[in-house]
């Protein structure tokens, strides 16, 4: 994964963490967020910034199709493992 030249600083003064979205709207799109963004035990600073530009509609459809195929294959493998194949 290509790392950015400059890592943004979040609102609480820490280097932001680079993550990847797997939502249907932004599959595979990377973004920066505060390290505390999802932590329920600390008050998050809510810093968020996209690293990658939006996907084209065609790229989004292709990527979602590939993710669906991978999930189908993983589910089939898990069923086979349970059956002892």
PDB file of N, CA and C in Angstrom:
ATOM      1  N   UNK A   1       0.846  -1.169   0.000  1.00  0.00           N
ATOM      2  CA  UNK A   1       0.000   0.000   0.000  1.00  0.00           C
ATOM      3  C   UNK A   1       0.891   1.231   0.000  1.00  0.00           C
ATOM      4  N   UNK A   2       0.641   2.124  -0.920  1.00  0.00           N
ATOM      5  CA  UNK A   2       1.415   3.364  -1.032  1.00  0.00           C
ATOM      6  C   UNK A   2       1.143   4.255   0.179  1.00  0.00           C
ATOM      7  N   UNK A   3       2.215   4.701   0.807  1.00  0.00           N
ATOM      8  CA  UNK A   3       2.075   5.580   1.960  1.00  0.00           C
ATOM      9  C   UNK A   3       2.163   7.036   1.499  1.00  0.00           C
ATOM     10  N   UNK A   4       1.397   7.891   2.138  1.00  0.00           N
ATOM     11  CA  UNK A   4       1.434   9.306   1.762  1.00  0.00           C
ATOM     12  C   UNK A   4       2.753   9.938   2.166  1.00  0.00           C
ATOM     13  N   UNK A   5       3.119  11.001   1.461  1.00  0.00           N
ATOM     14  CA  UNK A   5       4.345  11.719   1.801  1.00  0.00           C
ATOM     15  C   UNK A   5       4.184  12.478   3.116  1.00  0.00           C
ATOM     16  N   UNK A   6       2.983  12.997   3.342  1.00  0.00           N
ATOM     17  CA  UNK A   6       2.711  13.760   4.556  1.00  0.00           C
ATOM     18  C   UNK A   6       1.519  13.129   5.266  1.00  0.00           C
ATOM     19  N   UNK A   7       1.688  12.783   6.523  1.00  0.00           N
ATOM     20  CA  UNK A   7       0.595  12.237   7.315  1.00  0.00           C
ATOM     21  C   UNK A   7      -0.038  13.385   8.086  1.00  0.00           C
ATOM     22  N   UNK A   8      -1.351  13.585   7.899  1.00  0.00           N
ATOM     23  CA  UNK A   8      -1.985  14.710   8.584  1.00  0.00           C
ATOM     24  C   UNK A   8      -2.019  14.508  10.096  1.00  0.00           C
ATOM     25  N   UNK A   9      -2.102  15.618  10.794  1.00  0.00           N
ATOM     26  CA  UNK A   9      -2.214  15.621  12.244  1.00  0.00           C
ATOM     27  C   UNK A   9      -3.686  15.825  12.586  1.00  0.00           C
ATOM     28  N   UNK A  10      -4.217  14.994  13.457  1.00  0.00           N
ATOM     29  CA  UNK A  10      -5.632  15.110  13.822  1.00  0.00           C
ATOM     30  C   UNK A  10      -5.827  16.257  14.806  1.00  0.00           C
ATOM     31  N   UNK A  11      -7.068  16.500  15.158  1.00  0.00           N
ATOM     32  CA  UNK A  11      -7.408  17.639  16.012  1.00  0.00           C
ATOM     33  C   UNK A  11      -6.817  17.536  17.412  1.00  0.00           C
ATOM     34  N   UNK A  12      -6.511  16.313  17.858  1.00  0.00           N
ATOM     35  CA  UNK A  12      -5.939  16.168  19.203  1.00  0.00           C
ATOM     36  C   UNK A  12      -4.407  16.168  19.176  1.00  0.00           C
ATOM     37  N   UNK A  13      -3.808  16.417  17.990  1.00  0.00           N
ATOM     38  CA  UNK A  13      -2.365  16.599  17.885  1.00  0.00           C
ATOM     39  C   UNK A  13      -1.568  15.359  17.566  1.00  0.00           C
ATOM     40  N   UNK A  14      -2.216  14.238  17.287  1.00  0.00           N
ATOM     41  CA  UNK A  14      -1.522  12.992  16.958  1.00  0.00           C
ATOM     42  C   UNK A  14      -1.512  12.767  15.452  1.00  0.00           C
ATOM     43  N   UNK A  15      -0.530  12.007  14.936  1.00  0.00           N
ATOM     44  CA  UNK A  15      -0.572  11.635  13.522  1.00  0.00           C
ATOM     45  C   UNK A  15      -1.819  10.795  13.259  1.00  0.00           C
ATOM     46  N   UNK A  16      -2.509  11.101  12.187  1.00  0.00           N
ATOM     47  CA  UNK A  16      -3.717  10.358  11.842  1.00  0.00           C
ATOM     48  C   UNK A  16      -3.350   8.965  11.340  1.00  0.00           C
ATOM     49  N   UNK A  17      -4.294   8.043  11.463  1.00  0.00           N
ATOM     50  CA  UNK A  17      -4.104   6.650  11.050  1.00  0.00           C
ATOM     51  C   UNK A  17      -4.740   6.457   9.669  1.00  0.00           C
ATOM     52  N   UNK A  18      -4.027   5.764   8.771  1.00  0.00           N
ATOM     53  CA  UNK A  18      -4.542   5.476   7.436  1.00  0.00           C
ATOM     54  C   UNK A  18      -5.312   4.162   7.482  1.00  0.00           C
ATOM     55  N   UNK A  19      -6.576   4.200   7.069  1.00  0.00           N
ATOM     56  CA  UNK A  19      -7.447   3.021   7.053  1.00  0.00           C
ATOM     57  C   UNK A  19      -8.038   2.842   5.669  1.00  0.00           C
ATOM     58  N   UNK A  20      -8.764   1.734   5.486  1.00  0.00           N
ATOM     59  CA  UNK A  20      -9.415   1.469   4.216  1.00  0.00           C
ATOM     60  C   UNK A  20     -10.892   1.204   4.452  1.00  0.00           C
ATOM     61  N   UNK A  21     -11.722   1.824   3.635  1.00  0.00           N
ATOM     62  CA  UNK A  21     -13.168   1.650   3.721  1.00  0.00           C
ATOM     63  C   UNK A  21     -13.581   0.391   2.958  1.00  0.00           C
ATOM     64  N   UNK A  22     -14.528  -0.353   3.522  1.00  0.00           N
ATOM     65  CA  UNK A  22     -15.109  -1.496   2.822  1.00  0.00           C
ATOM     66  C   UNK A  22     -16.620  -1.345   2.724  1.00  0.00           C
ATOM     67  N   UNK A  23     -17.095  -0.097   2.780  1.00  0.00           N
ATOM     68  CA  UNK A  23     -18.525   0.155   2.615  1.00  0.00           C
ATOM     69  C   UNK A  23     -18.893  -0.009   1.143  1.00  0.00           C
ATOM     70  N   UNK A  24     -20.176  -0.189   0.866  1.00  0.00           N
ATOM     71  CA  UNK A  24     -20.623  -0.301  -0.526  1.00  0.00           C
ATOM     72  C   UNK A  24     -20.422   1.002  -1.289  1.00  0.00           C
ATOM     73  N   UNK A  25     -20.440   2.122  -0.593  1.00  0.00           N
ATOM     74  CA  UNK A  25     -20.272   3.411  -1.259  1.00  0.00           C
ATOM     75  C   UNK A  25     -18.809   3.726  -1.593  1.00  0.00           C
ATOM     76  N   UNK A  26     -17.874   3.214  -0.786  1.00  0.00           N
ATOM     77  CA  UNK A  26     -16.452   3.547  -0.954  1.00  0.00           C
ATOM     78  C   UNK A  26     -15.548   2.324  -0.778  1.00  0.00           C
ATOM     79  N   UNK A  27     -15.792   1.229  -1.492  1.00  0.00           N
ATOM     80  CA  UNK A  27     -14.970   0.032  -1.280  1.00  0.00           C
ATOM     81  C   UNK A  27     -13.522   0.248  -1.694  1.00  0.00           C
ATOM     82  N   UNK A  28     -12.606  -0.089  -0.803  1.00  0.00           N
ATOM     83  CA  UNK A  28     -11.184   0.008  -1.108  1.00  0.00           C
ATOM     84  C   UNK A  28     -10.613   1.409  -1.044  1.00  0.00           C
ATOM     85  N   UNK A  29     -11.432   2.386  -0.716  1.00  0.00           N
ATOM     86  CA  UNK A  29     -10.961   3.777  -0.667  1.00  0.00           C
ATOM     87  C   UNK A  29     -10.326   4.049   0.692  1.00  0.00           C
ATOM     88  N   UNK A  30      -9.125   4.643   0.667  1.00  0.00           N
ATOM     89  CA  UNK A  30      -8.388   4.886   1.907  1.00  0.00           C
ATOM     90  C   UNK A  30      -8.713   6.259   2.488  1.00  0.00           C
ATOM     91  N   UNK A  31      -8.622   6.331   3.808  1.00  0.00           N
ATOM     92  CA  UNK A  31      -8.919   7.574   4.500  1.00  0.00           C
ATOM     93  C   UNK A  31      -8.089   7.677   5.772  1.00  0.00           C
ATOM     94  N   UNK A  32      -7.905   8.899   6.236  1.00  0.00           N
ATOM     95  CA  UNK A  32      -7.235   9.160   7.504  1.00  0.00           C
ATOM     96  C   UNK A  32      -8.288   9.411   8.565  1.00  0.00           C
ATOM     97  N   UNK A  33      -8.017   8.928   9.775  1.00  0.00           N
ATOM     98  CA  UNK A  33      -8.872   9.244  10.905  1.00  0.00           C
ATOM     99  C   UNK A  33      -8.028   9.288  12.168  1.00  0.00           C
ATOM    100  N   UNK A  34      -8.572   9.908  13.200  1.00  0.00           N
ATOM    101  CA  UNK A  34      -7.896   9.945  14.483  1.00  0.00           C
ATOM    102  C   UNK A  34      -7.774   8.525  15.013  1.00  0.00           C
ATOM    103  N   UNK A  35      -6.678   8.219  15.669  1.00  0.00           N
ATOM    104  CA  UNK A  35      -6.495   6.886  16.256  1.00  0.00           C
ATOM    105  C   UNK A  35      -7.576   6.586  17.279  1.00  0.00           C
ATOM    106  N   UNK A  36      -8.189   7.620  17.845  1.00  0.00           N
ATOM    107  CA  UNK A  36      -9.234   7.442  18.854  1.00  0.00           C
ATOM    108  C   UNK A  36     -10.637   7.499  18.256  1.00  0.00           C
ATOM    109  N   UNK A  37     -10.759   7.583  16.915  1.00  0.00           N
ATOM    110  CA  UNK A  37     -12.056   7.795  16.260  1.00  0.00           C
ATOM    111  C   UNK A  37     -13.091   6.755  16.664  1.00  0.00           C
ATOM    112  N   UNK A  38     -12.713   5.486  16.710  1.00  0.00           N
ATOM    113  CA  UNK A  38     -13.667   4.407  16.983  1.00  0.00           C
ATOM    114  C   UNK A  38     -13.585   3.893  18.410  1.00  0.00           C
ATOM    115  N   UNK A  39     -12.753   4.475  19.217  1.00  0.00           N
ATOM    116  CA  UNK A  39     -12.537   3.982  20.574  1.00  0.00           C
ATOM    117  C   UNK A  39     -13.627   4.512  21.498  1.00  0.00           C
ATOM    118  N   UNK A  40     -14.447   3.615  22.038  1.00  0.00           N
ATOM    119  CA  UNK A  40     -15.547   4.014  22.906  1.00  0.00           C
ATOM    120  C   UNK A  40     -15.114   4.437  24.293  1.00  0.00           C
ATOM    121  N   UNK A  41     -13.847   4.205  24.665  1.00  0.00           N
ATOM    122  CA  UNK A  41     -13.378   4.513  26.008  1.00  0.00           C
ATOM    123  C   UNK A  41     -12.739   5.890  26.119  1.00  0.00           C
ATOM    124  N   UNK A  42     -12.450   6.508  24.997  1.00  0.00           N
ATOM    125  CA  UNK A  42     -11.844   7.833  25.006  1.00  0.00           C
ATOM    126  C   UNK A  42     -12.719   8.767  24.186  1.00  0.00           C
ATOM    127  N   UNK A  43     -12.687  10.029  24.514  1.00  0.00           N
ATOM    128  CA  UNK A  43     -13.438  11.002  23.731  1.00  0.00           C
ATOM    129  C   UNK A  43     -12.704  11.231  22.414  1.00  0.00           C
ATOM    130  N   UNK A  44     -13.293  10.841  21.281  1.00  0.00           N
ATOM    131  CA  UNK A  44     -12.604  10.996  19.995  1.00  0.00           C
ATOM    132  C   UNK A  44     -12.600  12.448  19.532  1.00  0.00           C
ATOM    133  N   UNK A  45     -11.607  12.783  18.732  1.00  0.00           N
ATOM    134  CA  UNK A  45     -11.555  14.142  18.190  1.00  0.00           C
ATOM    135  C   UNK A  45     -12.314  14.232  16.869  1.00  0.00           C
ATOM    136  N   UNK A  46     -12.720  13.110  16.300  1.00  0.00           N
ATOM    137  CA  UNK A  46     -13.534  13.039  15.082  1.00  0.00           C
ATOM    138  C   UNK A  46     -12.837  13.523  13.812  1.00  0.00           C
ATOM    139  N   UNK A  47     -11.497  13.528  13.801  1.00  0.00           N
ATOM    140  CA  UNK A  47     -10.772  13.909  12.587  1.00  0.00           C
ATOM    141  C   UNK A  47     -11.015  12.849  11.519  1.00  0.00           C
ATOM    142  N   UNK A  48     -11.306  13.273  10.291  1.00  0.00           N
ATOM    143  CA  UNK A  48     -11.533  12.374   9.171  1.00  0.00           C
ATOM    144  C   UNK A  48     -11.179  13.107   7.888  1.00  0.00           C
ATOM    145  N   UNK A  49     -10.436  12.438   6.998  1.00  0.00           N
ATOM    146  CA  UNK A  49     -10.063  13.032   5.718  1.00  0.00           C
ATOM    147  C   UNK A  49      -9.806  11.917   4.710  1.00  0.00           C
ATOM    148  N   UNK A  50     -10.389  12.019   3.524  1.00  0.00           N
ATOM    149  CA  UNK A  50     -10.138  11.029   2.487  1.00  0.00           C
ATOM    150  C   UNK A  50      -8.714  11.159   1.973  1.00  0.00           C
ATOM    151  N   UNK A  51      -8.049  10.024   1.734  1.00  0.00           N
ATOM    152  CA  UNK A  51      -6.723  10.001   1.116  1.00  0.00           C
ATOM    153  C   UNK A  51      -6.859   9.779  -0.388  1.00  0.00           C
ATOM    154  N   UNK A  52      -7.721   8.834  -0.782  1.00  0.00           N
ATOM    155  CA  UNK A  52      -7.932   8.506  -2.191  1.00  0.00           C
ATOM    156  C   UNK A  52      -9.097   9.308  -2.763  1.00  0.00           C
ATOM    157  N   UNK A  53      -9.046   9.624  -4.049  1.00  0.00           N
ATOM    158  CA  UNK A  53     -10.192  10.278  -4.681  1.00  0.00           C
ATOM    159  C   UNK A  53     -11.356   9.284  -4.801  1.00  0.00           C
ATOM    160  N   UNK A  54     -12.571   9.765  -5.035  1.00  0.00           N
ATOM    161  CA  UNK A  54     -13.710   8.860  -5.201  1.00  0.00           C
ATOM    162  C   UNK A  54     -13.490   7.911  -6.380  1.00  0.00           C
ATOM    163  N   UNK A  55     -14.061   6.729  -6.277  1.00  0.00           N
ATOM    164  CA  UNK A  55     -13.997   5.766  -7.379  1.00  0.00           C
ATOM    165  C   UNK A  55     -14.954   6.183  -8.482  1.00  0.00           C
ATOM    166  N   UNK A  56     -14.615   5.819  -9.705  1.00  0.00           N
ATOM    167  CA  UNK A  56     -15.569   6.028 -10.795  1.00  0.00           C
ATOM    168  C   UNK A  56     -16.709   5.039 -10.608  1.00  0.00           C
ATOM    169  N   UNK A  57     -17.886   5.328 -11.137  1.00  0.00           N
ATOM    170  CA  UNK A  57     -19.006   4.381 -10.992  1.00  0.00           C
ATOM    171  C   UNK A  57     -18.658   2.984 -11.510  1.00  0.00           C
ATOM    172  N   UNK A  58     -17.945   2.909 -12.636  1.00  0.00           N
ATOM    173  CA  UNK A  58     -17.570   1.598 -13.192  1.00  0.00           C
ATOM    174  C   UNK A  58     -16.617   0.853 -12.254  1.00  0.00           C
ATOM    175  N   UNK A  59     -15.617   1.540 -11.736  1.00  0.00           N
ATOM    176  CA  UNK A  59     -14.659   0.891 -10.833  1.00  0.00           C
ATOM    177  C   UNK A  59     -15.359   0.384  -9.579  1.00  0.00           C
ATOM    178  N   UNK A  60     -16.331   1.155  -9.064  1.00  0.00           N
ATOM    179  CA  UNK A  60     -17.067   0.740  -7.869  1.00  0.00           C
ATOM    180  C   UNK A  60     -17.853  -0.538  -8.138  1.00  0.00           C
ATOM    181  N   UNK A  61     -18.522  -0.617  -9.290  1.00  0.00           N
ATOM    182  CA  UNK A  61     -19.297  -1.807  -9.650  1.00  0.00           C
ATOM    183  C   UNK A  61     -18.381  -3.020  -9.785  1.00  0.00           C
ATOM    184  N   UNK A  62     -17.241  -2.846 -10.452  1.00  0.00           N
ATOM    185  CA  UNK A  62     -16.291  -3.946 -10.637  1.00  0.00           C
ATOM    186  C   UNK A  62     -15.758  -4.417  -9.281  1.00  0.00           C
ATOM    187  N   UNK A  63     -15.340  -3.498  -8.445  1.00  0.00           N
ATOM    188  CA  UNK A  63     -14.783  -3.863  -7.149  1.00  0.00           C
ATOM    189  C   UNK A  63     -15.818  -4.551  -6.273  1.00  0.00           C
ATOM    190  N   UNK A  64     -17.050  -4.047  -6.238  1.00  0.00           N
ATOM    191  CA  UNK A  64     -18.097  -4.691  -5.445  1.00  0.00           C
ATOM    192  C   UNK A  64     -18.399  -6.095  -5.966  1.00  0.00           C
ATOM    193  N   UNK A  65     -18.362  -6.283  -7.283  1.00  0.00           N
ATOM    194  CA  UNK A  65     -18.569  -7.615  -7.859  1.00  0.00           C
ATOM    195  C   UNK A  65     -17.470  -8.579  -7.446  1.00  0.00           C
ATOM    196  N   UNK A  66     -16.231  -8.108  -7.466  1.00  0.00           N
ATOM    197  CA  UNK A  66     -15.109  -8.956  -7.053  1.00  0.00           C
ATOM    198  C   UNK A  66     -15.189  -9.303  -5.567  1.00  0.00           C
ATOM    199  N   UNK A  67     -15.558  -8.331  -4.739  1.00  0.00           N
ATOM    200  CA  UNK A  67     -15.698  -8.591  -3.298  1.00  0.00           C
ATOM    201  C   UNK A  67     -16.799  -9.624  -3.037  1.00  0.00           C
ATOM    202  N   UNK A  68     -17.886  -9.541  -3.799  1.00  0.00           N
ATOM    203  CA  UNK A  68     -18.982 -10.511  -3.650  1.00  0.00           C
ATOM    204  C   UNK A  68     -18.502 -11.916  -4.024  1.00  0.00           C
ATOM    205  N   UNK A  69     -17.722 -12.037  -5.093  1.00  0.00           N
ATOM    206  CA  UNK A  69     -17.198 -13.349  -5.503  1.00  0.00           C
ATOM    207  C   UNK A  69     -16.249 -13.916  -4.447  1.00  0.00           C
ATOM    208  N   UNK A  70     -15.397 -13.066  -3.884  1.00  0.00           N
ATOM    209  CA  UNK A  70     -14.477 -13.518  -2.845  1.00  0.00           C
ATOM    210  C   UNK A  70     -15.254 -14.034  -1.642  1.00  0.00           C
ATOM    211  N   UNK A  71     -16.277 -13.286  -1.225  1.00  0.00           N
ATOM    212  CA  UNK A  71     -17.080 -13.712  -0.076  1.00  0.00           C
ATOM    213  C   UNK A  71     -17.771 -15.044  -0.356  1.00  0.00           C
ATOM    214  N   UNK A  72     -18.300 -15.216  -1.559  1.00  0.00           N
ATOM    215  CA  UNK A  72     -18.954 -16.470  -1.930  1.00  0.00           C
ATOM    216  C   UNK A  72     -17.966 -17.628  -1.844  1.00  0.00           C
ATOM    217  N   UNK A  73     -16.749 -17.439  -2.356  1.00  0.00           N
ATOM    218  CA  UNK A  73     -15.725 -18.481  -2.298  1.00  0.00           C
ATOM    219  C   UNK A  73     -15.289 -18.773  -0.866  1.00  0.00           C
ATOM    220  N   UNK A  74     -15.145 -17.732  -0.052  1.00  0.00           N
ATOM    221  CA  UNK A  74     -14.781 -17.941   1.351  1.00  0.00           C
ATOM    222  C   UNK A  74     -15.868 -18.702   2.094  1.00  0.00           C
ATOM    223  N   UNK A  75     -17.127 -18.368   1.843  1.00  0.00           N
ATOM    224  CA  UNK A  75     -18.238 -19.076   2.485  1.00  0.00           C
ATOM    225  C   UNK A  75     -18.264 -20.546   2.068  1.00  0.00           C
ATOM    226  N   UNK A  76     -18.011 -20.821   0.792  1.00  0.00           N
ATOM    227  CA  UNK A  76     -17.987 -22.206   0.305  1.00  0.00           C
ATOM    228  C   UNK A  76     -16.842 -22.981   0.955  1.00  0.00           C
ATOM    229  N   UNK A  77     -15.682 -22.338   1.099  1.00  0.00           N
ATOM    230  CA  UNK A  77     -14.540 -22.991   1.741  1.00  0.00           C
ATOM    231  C   UNK A  77     -14.850 -23.322   3.197  1.00  0.00           C
ATOM    232  N   UNK A  78     -15.491 -22.403   3.902  1.00  0.00           N
ATOM    233  CA  UNK A  78     -15.848 -22.644   5.302  1.00  0.00           C
ATOM    234  C   UNK A  78     -16.837 -23.805   5.425  1.00  0.00           C
ATOM    235  N   UNK A  79     -17.802 -23.891   4.503  1.00  0.00           N
ATOM    236  CA  UNK A  79     -18.757 -25.010   4.533  1.00  0.00           C
ATOM    237  C   UNK A  79     -18.041 -26.337   4.294  1.00  0.00           C
ATOM    238  N   UNK A  80     -17.089 -26.336   3.355  1.00  0.00           N
ATOM    239  CA  UNK A  80     -16.338 -27.561   3.067  1.00  0.00           C
ATOM    240  C   UNK A  80     -15.490 -27.977   4.260  1.00  0.00           C
ATOM    241  N   UNK A  81     -14.896 -27.018   4.945  1.00  0.00           N
ATOM    242  CA  UNK A  81     -14.093 -27.332   6.129  1.00  0.00           C
ATOM    243  C   UNK A  81     -14.947 -27.970   7.216  1.00  0.00           C
ATOM    244  N   UNK A  82     -16.155 -27.486   7.393  1.00  0.00           N
ATOM    245  CA  UNK A  82     -17.071 -28.032   8.402  1.00  0.00           C
ATOM    246  C   UNK A  82     -17.461 -29.472   8.046  1.00  0.00           C
ATOM    247  N   UNK A  83     -17.550 -29.757   6.753  1.00  0.00           N
ATOM    248  CA  UNK A  83     -17.927 -31.102   6.307  1.00  0.00           C
ATOM    249  C   UNK A  83     -16.737 -32.047   6.232  1.00  0.00           C
ATOM    250  N   UNK A  84     -15.529 -31.518   6.414  1.00  0.00           N
ATOM    251  CA  UNK A  84     -14.333 -32.348   6.422  1.00  0.00           C
ATOM    252  C   UNK A  84     -13.715 -32.614   5.062  1.00  0.00           C
ATOM    253  N   UNK A  85     -13.967 -31.768   4.084  1.00  0.00           N
ATOM    254  CA  UNK A  85     -13.363 -31.943   2.749  1.00  0.00           C
ATOM    255  C   UNK A  85     -11.977 -31.400   2.707  1.00  0.00           C
TER     256      UNK A  85
END
